[in-house]
C-alpha atoms as a PDB file:
ATOM      1  CA  MET A   1     124.897 109.629  50.509  1.00  0.00           C
ATOM      2  CA  ILE A   2     126.504 112.594  48.745  1.00  0.00           C
ATOM      3  CA  TRP A   3     123.296 114.619  48.916  1.00  0.00           C
ATOM      4  CA  LEU A   4     122.937 113.778  52.640  1.00  0.00           C
ATOM      5  CA  LEU A   5     126.450 115.013  53.370  1.00  0.00           C
ATOM      6  CA  ALA A   6     125.789 118.176  51.345  1.00  0.00           C
ATOM      7  CA  PHE A   7     122.576 118.757  53.307  1.00  0.00           C
ATOM      8  CA  GLN A   8     124.391 118.357  56.639  1.00  0.00           C
ATOM      9  CA  LEU A   9     127.114 120.769  55.563  1.00  0.00           C
ATOM     10  CA  ALA A  10     124.514 123.298  54.435  1.00  0.00           C
ATOM     11  CA  ALA A  11     122.586 122.933  57.674  1.00  0.00           C
ATOM     12  CA  GLY A  12     125.697 123.596  59.746  1.00  0.00           C
ATOM     13  CA  PRO A  13     126.837 121.739  62.863  1.00  0.00           C
ATOM     14  CA  LEU A  14     124.353 119.682  64.812  1.00  0.00           C
ATOM     15  CA  ALA A  15     122.720 121.508  67.716  1.00  0.00           C
ATOM     16  CA  VAL A  16     124.153 120.865  71.167  1.00  0.00           C
ATOM     17  CA  SER A  17     121.521 119.708  73.637  1.00  0.00           C
ATOM     18  CA  PRO A  18     121.071 121.160  77.143  1.00  0.00           C
ATOM     19  CA  VAL A  19     122.301 117.862  78.583  1.00  0.00           C
ATOM     20  CA  GLN A  20     125.510 118.143  76.559  1.00  0.00           C
ATOM     21  CA  HIS A  21     126.042 121.697  77.794  1.00  0.00           C
ATOM     22  CA  TYR A  22     125.531 120.455  81.346  1.00  0.00           C
ATOM     23  CA  GLU A  23     128.026 117.612  80.845  1.00  0.00           C
ATOM     24  CA  ARG A  24     130.566 120.104  79.533  1.00  0.00           C
ATOM     25  CA  ALA A  25     129.923 122.356  82.535  1.00  0.00           C
ATOM     26  CA  LYS A  26     130.380 119.418  84.901  1.00  0.00           C
ATOM     27  CA  GLN A  27     133.684 118.519  83.259  1.00  0.00           C
ATOM     28  CA  ASP A  28     134.863 122.132  83.405  1.00  0.00           C
ATOM     29  CA  PHE A  29     133.902 122.282  87.082  1.00  0.00           C
ATOM     30  CA  ALA A  30     135.893 119.125  87.813  1.00  0.00           C
ATOM     31  CA  GLU A  31     138.887 120.697  86.066  1.00  0.00           C
ATOM     32  CA  ARG A  32     138.356 123.948  88.030  1.00  0.00           C
ATOM     33  CA  LYS A  33     137.637 125.897  84.839  1.00  0.00           C
ATOM     34  CA  PHE A  34     134.968 127.898  86.606  1.00  0.00           C
ATOM     35  CA  SER A  35     134.296 130.619  84.046  1.00  0.00           C
ATOM     36  CA  GLU A  36     133.821 128.013  81.299  1.00  0.00           C
ATOM     37  CA  ALA A  37     131.573 125.978  83.584  1.00  0.00           C
ATOM     38  CA  VAL A  38     129.404 129.014  84.329  1.00  0.00           C
ATOM     39  CA  SER A  39     129.001 129.723  80.626  1.00  0.00           C
ATOM     40  CA  GLU A  40     128.015 126.152  79.783  1.00  0.00           C
ATOM     41  CA  VAL A  41     125.617 125.720  82.692  1.00  0.00           C
ATOM     42  CA  ASN A  42     123.899 129.018  81.888  1.00  0.00           C
ATOM     43  CA  ILE A  43     123.314 127.855  78.311  1.00  0.00           C
ATOM     44  CA  ALA A  44     121.903 124.552  79.599  1.00  0.00           C
ATOM     45  CA  LEU A  45     119.519 126.348  81.950  1.00  0.00           C
ATOM     46  CA  HIS A  46     118.502 128.880  79.311  1.00  0.00           C
ATOM     47  CA  GLU A  47     117.276 125.990  77.187  1.00  0.00           C
ATOM     48  CA  SER A  48     116.018 123.833  80.078  1.00  0.00           C
ATOM     49  CA  PRO A  49     115.312 126.050  83.127  1.00  0.00           C
ATOM     50  CA  TYR A  50     114.284 123.215  85.454  1.00  0.00           C
ATOM     51  CA  MET A  51     117.145 120.778  84.817  1.00  0.00           C
ATOM     52  CA  VAL A  52     117.870 119.849  88.419  1.00  0.00           C
ATOM     53  CA  PRO A  53     121.520 118.714  88.075  1.00  0.00           C
ATOM     54  CA  ALA A  54     122.333 121.938  86.208  1.00  0.00           C
ATOM     55  CA  LEU A  55     120.607 124.035  88.889  1.00  0.00           C
ATOM     56  CA  VAL A  56     122.643 122.287  91.593  1.00  0.00           C
ATOM     57  CA  LEU A  57     125.856 122.819  89.651  1.00  0.00           C
ATOM     58  CA  LYS A  58     125.046 126.505  89.136  1.00  0.00           C
ATOM     59  CA  ALA A  59     124.437 126.791  92.885  1.00  0.00           C
ATOM     60  CA  ARG A  60     127.839 125.262  93.648  1.00  0.00           C
ATOM     61  CA  LEU A  61     129.508 127.615  91.184  1.00  0.00           C
ATOM     62  CA  ALA A  62     127.685 130.563  92.769  1.00  0.00           C
ATOM     63  CA  GLN A  63     129.033 129.601  96.171  1.00  0.00           C
ATOM     64  CA  PHE A  64     132.571 129.572  94.783  1.00  0.00           C
ATOM     65  CA  ALA A  65     131.856 133.046  93.424  1.00  0.00           C
ATOM     66  CA  HIS A  66     130.549 134.199  96.839  1.00  0.00           C
ATOM     67  CA  SER A  67     127.025 134.709  95.501  1.00  0.00           C
ATOM     68  CA  PRO A  68     124.876 133.039  98.193  1.00  0.00           C
ATOM     69  CA  ASP A  69     121.599 134.535  96.957  1.00  0.00           C
ATOM     70  CA  VAL A  70     122.082 132.934  93.536  1.00  0.00           C
ATOM     71  CA  ALA A  71     123.056 129.622  95.117  1.00  0.00           C
ATOM     72  CA  LYS A  72     120.023 129.569  97.399  1.00  0.00           C
ATOM     73  CA  SER A  73     117.633 130.497  94.564  1.00  0.00           C
ATOM     74  CA  CYS A  74     118.983 127.716  92.323  1.00  0.00           C
ATOM     75  CA  LEU A  75     118.704 125.081  95.052  1.00  0.00           C
ATOM     76  CA  ILE A  76     115.173 126.051  96.042  1.00  0.00           C
ATOM     77  CA  THR A  77     114.160 125.985  92.355  1.00  0.00           C
ATOM     78  CA  ALA A  78     115.751 122.539  92.023  1.00  0.00           C
ATOM     79  CA  ILE A  79     113.849 121.162  95.015  1.00  0.00           C
ATOM     80  CA  THR A  80     110.608 122.720  93.783  1.00  0.00           C
ATOM     81  CA  ALA A  81     111.163 120.996  90.442  1.00  0.00           C
ATOM     82  CA  ASP A  82     112.068 117.658  92.040  1.00  0.00           C
ATOM     83  CA  PRO A  83     111.640 117.251  95.816  1.00  0.00           C
ATOM     84  CA  THR A  84     113.048 113.718  95.522  1.00  0.00           C
ATOM     85  CA  SER A  85     116.459 114.924  94.345  1.00  0.00           C
ATOM     86  CA  GLU A  86     118.865 113.792  97.074  1.00  0.00           C
ATOM     87  CA  GLU A  87     121.581 115.960  95.528  1.00  0.00           C
ATOM     88  CA  ALA A  88     119.478 119.136  95.655  1.00  0.00           C
ATOM     89  CA  GLN A  89     118.300 118.456  99.209  1.00  0.00           C
ATOM     90  CA  PHE A  90     121.840 117.721 100.386  1.00  0.00           C
ATOM     91  CA  PHE A  91     123.362 120.822  98.830  1.00  0.00           C
ATOM     92  CA  LEU A  92     120.591 123.023 100.232  1.00  0.00           C
ATOM     93  CA  GLY A  93     121.354 121.632 103.684  1.00  0.00           C
ATOM     94  CA  LEU A  94     125.064 122.162 103.075  1.00  0.00           C
ATOM     95  CA  PHE A  95     124.340 125.718 101.928  1.00  0.00           C
ATOM     96  CA  TYR A  96     122.505 126.523 105.172  1.00  0.00           C
ATOM     97  CA  TYR A  97     125.252 124.826 107.209  1.00  0.00           C
ATOM     98  CA  ASN A  98     127.932 126.948 105.555  1.00  0.00           C
ATOM     99  CA  GLN A  99     125.805 130.047 106.226  1.00  0.00           C
ATOM    100  CA  ASN A 100     125.596 129.036 109.923  1.00  0.00           C
ATOM    101  CA  ASP A 101     121.811 128.696 109.582  1.00  0.00           C
ATOM    102  CA  PHE A 102     121.928 125.408 111.458  1.00  0.00           C
ATOM    103  CA  LYS A 103     118.208 125.062 112.194  1.00  0.00           C
ATOM    104  CA  LEU A 104     117.381 125.523 108.514  1.00  0.00           C
ATOM    105  CA  ALA A 105     120.055 122.984 107.527  1.00  0.00           C
ATOM    106  CA  ILE A 106     118.476 120.109 109.431  1.00  0.00           C
ATOM    107  CA  SER A 107     115.339 119.521 107.330  1.00  0.00           C
ATOM    108  CA  PRO A 108     116.971 119.231 103.868  1.00  0.00           C
ATOM    109  CA  LEU A 109     119.834 117.160 105.294  1.00  0.00           C
ATOM    110  CA  GLN A 110     117.350 114.785 106.941  1.00  0.00           C
ATOM    111  CA  THR A 111     115.444 114.536 103.663  1.00  0.00           C
ATOM    112  CA  ALA A 112     118.682 113.774 101.811  1.00  0.00           C
ATOM    113  CA  GLN A 113     119.471 111.089 104.391  1.00  0.00           C
ATOM    114  CA  THR A 114     116.046 109.528 103.892  1.00  0.00           C
ATOM    115  CA  LEU A 115     116.418 109.603 100.095  1.00  0.00           C
ATOM    116  CA  SER A 116     119.933 108.135 100.201  1.00  0.00           C
ATOM    117  CA  PRO A 117     120.295 106.191 103.464  1.00  0.00           C
ATOM    118  CA  LYS A 118     123.589 104.559 102.457  1.00  0.00           C
ATOM    119  CA  SER A 119     125.368 107.846 101.754  1.00  0.00           C
ATOM    120  CA  PRO A 120     127.621 109.011 104.624  1.00  0.00           C
ATOM    121  CA  LEU A 121     127.556 112.700 103.748  1.00  0.00           C
ATOM    122  CA  PRO A 122     124.035 113.651 104.940  1.00  0.00           C
ATOM    123  CA  ALA A 123     124.724 111.936 108.277  1.00  0.00           C
ATOM    124  CA  PHE A 124     128.123 113.630 108.478  1.00  0.00           C
ATOM    125  CA  TYR A 125     126.778 117.145 107.945  1.00  0.00           C
ATOM    126  CA  LEU A 126     123.854 116.445 110.243  1.00  0.00           C
ATOM    127  CA  ALA A 127     126.401 115.443 112.892  1.00  0.00           C
ATOM    128  CA  MET A 128     128.304 118.702 112.475  1.00  0.00           C
ATOM    129  CA  THR A 129     125.059 120.667 112.463  1.00  0.00           C
ATOM    130  CA  HIS A 130     123.890 119.118 115.731  1.00  0.00           C
ATOM    131  CA  GLU A 131     127.363 119.625 117.196  1.00  0.00           C
ATOM    132  CA  ALA A 132     127.196 123.321 116.287  1.00  0.00           C
ATOM    133  CA  MET A 133     123.805 123.509 118.007  1.00  0.00           C
ATOM    134  CA  GLY A 134     125.172 121.896 121.176  1.00  0.00           C
ATOM    135  CA  ASP A 135     123.263 118.609 120.804  1.00  0.00           C
ATOM    136  CA  THR A 136     126.186 116.313 121.600  1.00  0.00           C
ATOM    137  CA  ALA A 137     124.166 113.114 122.005  1.00  0.00           C
ATOM    138  CA  GLN A 138     122.600 113.399 118.545  1.00  0.00           C
ATOM    139  CA  ALA A 139     125.904 114.537 117.031  1.00  0.00           C
ATOM    140  CA  SER A 140     127.728 111.528 118.481  1.00  0.00           C
ATOM    141  CA  GLU A 141     125.172 109.095 117.049  1.00  0.00           C
ATOM    142  CA  LEU A 142     125.321 110.723 113.614  1.00  0.00           C
ATOM    143  CA  TYR A 143     129.128 110.821 113.521  1.00  0.00           C
ATOM    144  CA  GLN A 144     129.136 107.090 114.204  1.00  0.00           C
ATOM    145  CA  GLN A 145     126.580 106.540 111.438  1.00  0.00           C
ATOM    146  CA  ALA A 146     128.718 108.535 109.010  1.00  0.00           C
ATOM    147  CA  GLU A 147     131.824 106.563 109.972  1.00  0.00           C
ATOM    148  CA  ASN A 148     130.009 103.247 109.517  1.00  0.00           C
ATOM    149  CA  LEU A 149     128.729 104.280 106.079  1.00  0.00           C
ATOM    150  CA  SER A 150     131.944 105.807 104.742  1.00  0.00           C
ATOM    151  CA  PRO A 151     134.127 103.769 102.382  1.00  0.00           C
ATOM    152  CA  GLU A 152     137.264 102.441 104.051  1.00  0.00           C
ATOM    153  CA  LYS A 153     140.714 103.796 103.189  1.00  0.00           C
ATOM    154  CA  SER A 154     139.478 106.871 101.354  1.00  0.00           C
ATOM    155  CA  PRO A 155     139.843 110.659 101.633  1.00  0.00           C
ATOM    156  CA  GLN A 156     136.129 110.806 102.497  1.00  0.00           C
ATOM    157  CA  SER A 157     136.482 108.442 105.442  1.00  0.00           C
ATOM    158  CA  ALA A 158     139.531 110.411 106.612  1.00  0.00           C
ATOM    159  CA  LEU A 159     137.558 113.654 106.477  1.00  0.00           C
ATOM    160  CA  ILE A 160     134.798 112.139 108.604  1.00  0.00           C
ATOM    161  CA  LEU A 161     137.241 110.609 111.091  1.00  0.00           C
ATOM    162  CA  VAL A 162     139.086 113.907 111.581  1.00  0.00           C
ATOM    163  CA  ALA A 163     135.845 115.751 112.375  1.00  0.00           C
ATOM    164  CA  TYR A 164     134.691 112.910 114.622  1.00  0.00           C
ATOM    165  CA  GLY A 165     138.066 112.945 116.373  1.00  0.00           C
ATOM    166  CA  ARG A 166     137.909 116.703 116.970  1.00  0.00           C
ATOM    167  CA  PHE A 167     134.398 116.279 118.381  1.00  0.00           C
ATOM    168  CA  LEU A 168     135.544 113.573 120.818  1.00  0.00           C
ATOM    169  CA  LEU A 169     138.546 115.650 121.881  1.00  0.00           C
ATOM    170  CA  ALA A 170     136.238 118.578 122.607  1.00  0.00           C
ATOM    171  CA  LEU A 171     134.222 116.245 124.870  1.00  0.00           C
ATOM    172  CA  GLY A 172     137.389 115.355 126.781  1.00  0.00           C
ATOM    173  CA  ARG A 173     137.574 111.845 125.312  1.00  0.00           C
ATOM    174  CA  THR A 174     141.230 112.306 124.419  1.00  0.00           C
ATOM    175  CA  GLN A 175     142.289 108.762 123.620  1.00  0.00           C
ATOM    176  CA  ASP A 176     139.158 108.066 121.547  1.00  0.00           C
ATOM    177  CA  GLY A 177     139.691 111.323 119.640  1.00  0.00           C
ATOM    178  CA  ILE A 178     143.352 110.668 118.918  1.00  0.00           C
ATOM    179  CA  GLY A 179     142.449 107.146 117.844  1.00  0.00           C
ATOM    180  CA  LYS A 180     140.031 108.502 115.218  1.00  0.00           C
ATOM    181  CA  ILE A 181     142.636 110.955 113.922  1.00  0.00           C
ATOM    182  CA  ARG A 182     145.318 108.243 113.671  1.00  0.00           C
ATOM    183  CA  ARG A 183     142.837 106.109 111.734  1.00  0.00           C
ATOM    184  CA  ALA A 184     142.219 109.063 109.431  1.00  0.00           C
ATOM    185  CA  ILE A 185     145.937 109.128 108.614  1.00  0.00           C
ATOM    186  CA  GLU A 186     145.836 105.381 107.928  1.00  0.00           C
ATOM    187  CA  ASP A 187     142.887 105.889 105.571  1.00  0.00           C
ATOM    188  CA  ASP A 188     144.476 108.872 103.829  1.00  0.00           C
ATOM    189  CA  PRO A 189     148.184 109.486 104.544  1.00  0.00           C
ATOM    190  CA  ASP A 190     147.924 112.723 102.540  1.00  0.00           C
ATOM    191  CA  SER A 191     145.277 114.299 104.786  1.00  0.00           C
ATOM    192  CA  ARG A 192     146.723 117.645 105.853  1.00  0.00           C
ATOM    193  CA  GLU A 193     143.886 118.079 108.347  1.00  0.00           C
ATOM    194  CA  ALA A 194     144.638 114.760 110.083  1.00  0.00           C
ATOM    195  CA  HIS A 195     148.368 115.414 110.420  1.00  0.00           C
ATOM    196  CA  TYR A 196     147.711 118.940 111.717  1.00  0.00           C
ATOM    197  CA  GLU A 197     145.152 117.796 114.284  1.00  0.00           C
ATOM    198  CA  LEU A 198     147.466 115.028 115.480  1.00  0.00           C
ATOM    199  CA  ALA A 199     150.322 117.540 115.791  1.00  0.00           C
ATOM    200  CA  LYS A 200     148.137 119.758 117.993  1.00  0.00           C
ATOM    201  CA  GLU A 201     147.181 116.883 120.273  1.00  0.00           C
ATOM    202  CA  LEU A 202     150.774 115.647 120.574  1.00  0.00           C
ATOM    203  CA  ASP A 203     151.694 119.207 121.537  1.00  0.00           C
ATOM    204  CA  GLU A 204     149.017 119.114 124.262  1.00  0.00           C
ATOM    205  CA  GLU A 205     150.476 115.837 125.549  1.00  0.00           C
ATOM    206  CA  GLY A 206     154.021 117.270 125.592  1.00  0.00           C
ATOM    207  CA  ASP A 207     155.297 115.010 122.810  1.00  0.00           C
ATOM    208  CA  LEU A 208     156.948 117.934 121.045  1.00  0.00           C
ATOM    209  CA  LYS A 209     159.282 116.068 118.707  1.00  0.00           C
ATOM    210  CA  ASN A 210     156.534 113.918 117.231  1.00  0.00           C
ATOM    211  CA  ALA A 211     154.275 116.962 117.073  1.00  0.00           C
ATOM    212  CA  VAL A 212     156.919 118.663 114.911  1.00  0.00           C
ATOM    213  CA  VAL A 213     157.098 115.614 112.641  1.00  0.00           C
ATOM    214  CA  GLU A 214     153.322 115.692 112.092  1.00  0.00           C
ATOM    215  CA  ALA A 215     153.205 119.467 111.578  1.00  0.00           C
ATOM    216  CA  GLU A 216     156.099 119.434 109.115  1.00  0.00           C
ATOM    217  CA  ARG A 217     154.380 116.614 107.235  1.00  0.00           C
ATOM    218  CA  ALA A 218     151.130 118.617 107.130  1.00  0.00           C
ATOM    219  CA  LEU A 219     153.015 121.569 105.650  1.00  0.00           C
ATOM    220  CA  THR A 220     154.095 119.469 102.646  1.00  0.00           C
ATOM    221  CA  LEU A 221     150.504 118.514 101.745  1.00  0.00           C
ATOM    222  CA  PRO A 222     148.004 120.444  99.579  1.00  0.00           C
ATOM    223  CA  GLU A 223     146.383 123.424 101.285  1.00  0.00           C
ATOM    224  CA  LEU A 224     142.631 122.992 101.788  1.00  0.00           C
ATOM    225  CA  SER A 225     140.847 124.006 104.975  1.00  0.00           C
ATOM    226  CA  ILE A 226     144.049 124.184 107.045  1.00  0.00           C
ATOM    227  CA  ARG A 227     146.143 127.135 105.881  1.00  0.00           C
ATOM    228  CA  ASP A 228     149.935 127.205 105.755  1.00  0.00           C
ATOM    229  CA  ALA A 229     149.953 130.053 108.265  1.00  0.00           C
ATOM    230  CA  GLN A 230     148.161 127.932 110.874  1.00  0.00           C
ATOM    231  CA  ILE A 231     150.859 125.301 110.611  1.00  0.00           C
ATOM    232  CA  HIS A 232     153.657 127.890 110.698  1.00  0.00           C
ATOM    233  CA  TYR A 233     152.153 129.302 113.899  1.00  0.00           C
ATOM    234  CA  LEU A 234     152.052 125.858 115.516  1.00  0.00           C
ATOM    235  CA  LEU A 235     155.625 125.076 114.393  1.00  0.00           C
ATOM    236  CA  ALA A 236     156.883 128.398 115.752  1.00  0.00           C
ATOM    237  CA  LYS A 237     155.494 127.489 119.186  1.00  0.00           C
ATOM    238  CA  LEU A 238     156.854 123.949 119.024  1.00  0.00           C
ATOM    239  CA  TYR A 239     160.370 124.970 117.987  1.00  0.00           C
ATOM    240  CA  MET A 240     160.461 127.658 120.665  1.00  0.00           C
ATOM    241  CA  ARG A 241     159.609 125.072 123.309  1.00  0.00           C
ATOM    242  CA  LEU A 242     162.245 122.759 121.833  1.00  0.00           C
ATOM    243  CA  LYS A 243     164.756 125.595 122.249  1.00  0.00           C
ATOM    244  CA  GLU A 244     165.410 125.981 118.522  1.00  0.00           C
ATOM    245  CA  PRO A 245     164.947 129.752 118.193  1.00  0.00           C
ATOM    246  CA  ASP A 246     166.156 130.062 114.587  1.00  0.00           C
ATOM    247  CA  LEU A 247     163.530 127.615 113.317  1.00  0.00           C
ATOM    248  CA  ALA A 248     160.906 129.193 115.564  1.00  0.00           C
ATOM    249  CA  LYS A 249     161.729 132.635 114.167  1.00  0.00           C
ATOM    250  CA  ALA A 250     161.571 131.418 110.554  1.00  0.00           C
ATOM    251  CA  HIS A 251     158.087 129.950 111.021  1.00  0.00           C
ATOM    252  CA  LEU A 252     156.860 132.947 113.006  1.00  0.00           C
ATOM    253  CA  GLU A 253     157.933 135.287 110.207  1.00  0.00           C
ATOM    254  CA  LYS A 254     156.023 133.175 107.685  1.00  0.00           C
ATOM    255  CA  PHE A 255     152.964 133.260 109.921  1.00  0.00           C
ATOM    256  CA  GLN A 256     153.185 137.041 110.308  1.00  0.00           C
ATOM    257  CA  ALA A 257     153.532 137.471 106.540  1.00  0.00           C
ATOM    258  CA  ALA A 258     150.220 135.711 105.967  1.00  0.00           C
ATOM    259  CA  PRO A 259     146.863 137.559 105.818  1.00  0.00           C
ATOM    260  CA  GLN A 260     145.727 138.572 109.290  1.00  0.00           C
ATOM    261  CA  THR A 261     142.390 136.779 108.853  1.00  0.00           C
ATOM    262  CA  THR A 262     144.147 133.458 109.345  1.00  0.00           C
ATOM    263  CA  VAL A 263     142.729 131.395 112.198  1.00  0.00           C
ATOM    264  CA  ARG A 264     145.367 130.320 114.671  1.00  0.00           C
END
């Protein structure tokens, strides 16, 4: 045993496998340590260039770094290596969706749906893709599929319900849309998007006080797709209509202080 220990010490530390580098990268990504994740995933791919999960992870990191060409190359390589990878197909479809290449998004998303028929996400992004293309009938069917497949009382189901609700509101189905958004809040009380969307609809209905309650609640929740400035803008309008000019002014100043790219 002593000679074995001496041999191990002389040989140095055991080599780290590509899979271990990938697992480290995945953990770093989950902890939002992006530079560390990039380093680990690059080592994994240097040693195993066609490791599909690592290629997908590198693509996701590239999108965070605003490098769409790298992301696209990694995903196409991943699908070439394994066309049956639901993850690679889904993220390629998501990539095209985020690039507004809606026609190109459909095929990989449909393939992902076929490979993983019980997953709500391919149906969900297919619904949004068809909505963006103006195909409301297909979008409606896919939104319902995504809702049926999504786990109850979860942030994922809330995300789907908010998008479904917005879609129904855009079709003029006001009560159905508001019903979906209220269900989203039941599924995830901390959904900023759901509280913000409900505040906007209550504003449209003239229920200003409850709209303020929902908007103020949204402002306390973590900032994701809905920016603080959007909520400040809505609150400024609401407080002005409620004849509370000091509060309206305070929120308007915060809106004006935000970057001008903010969507109202």
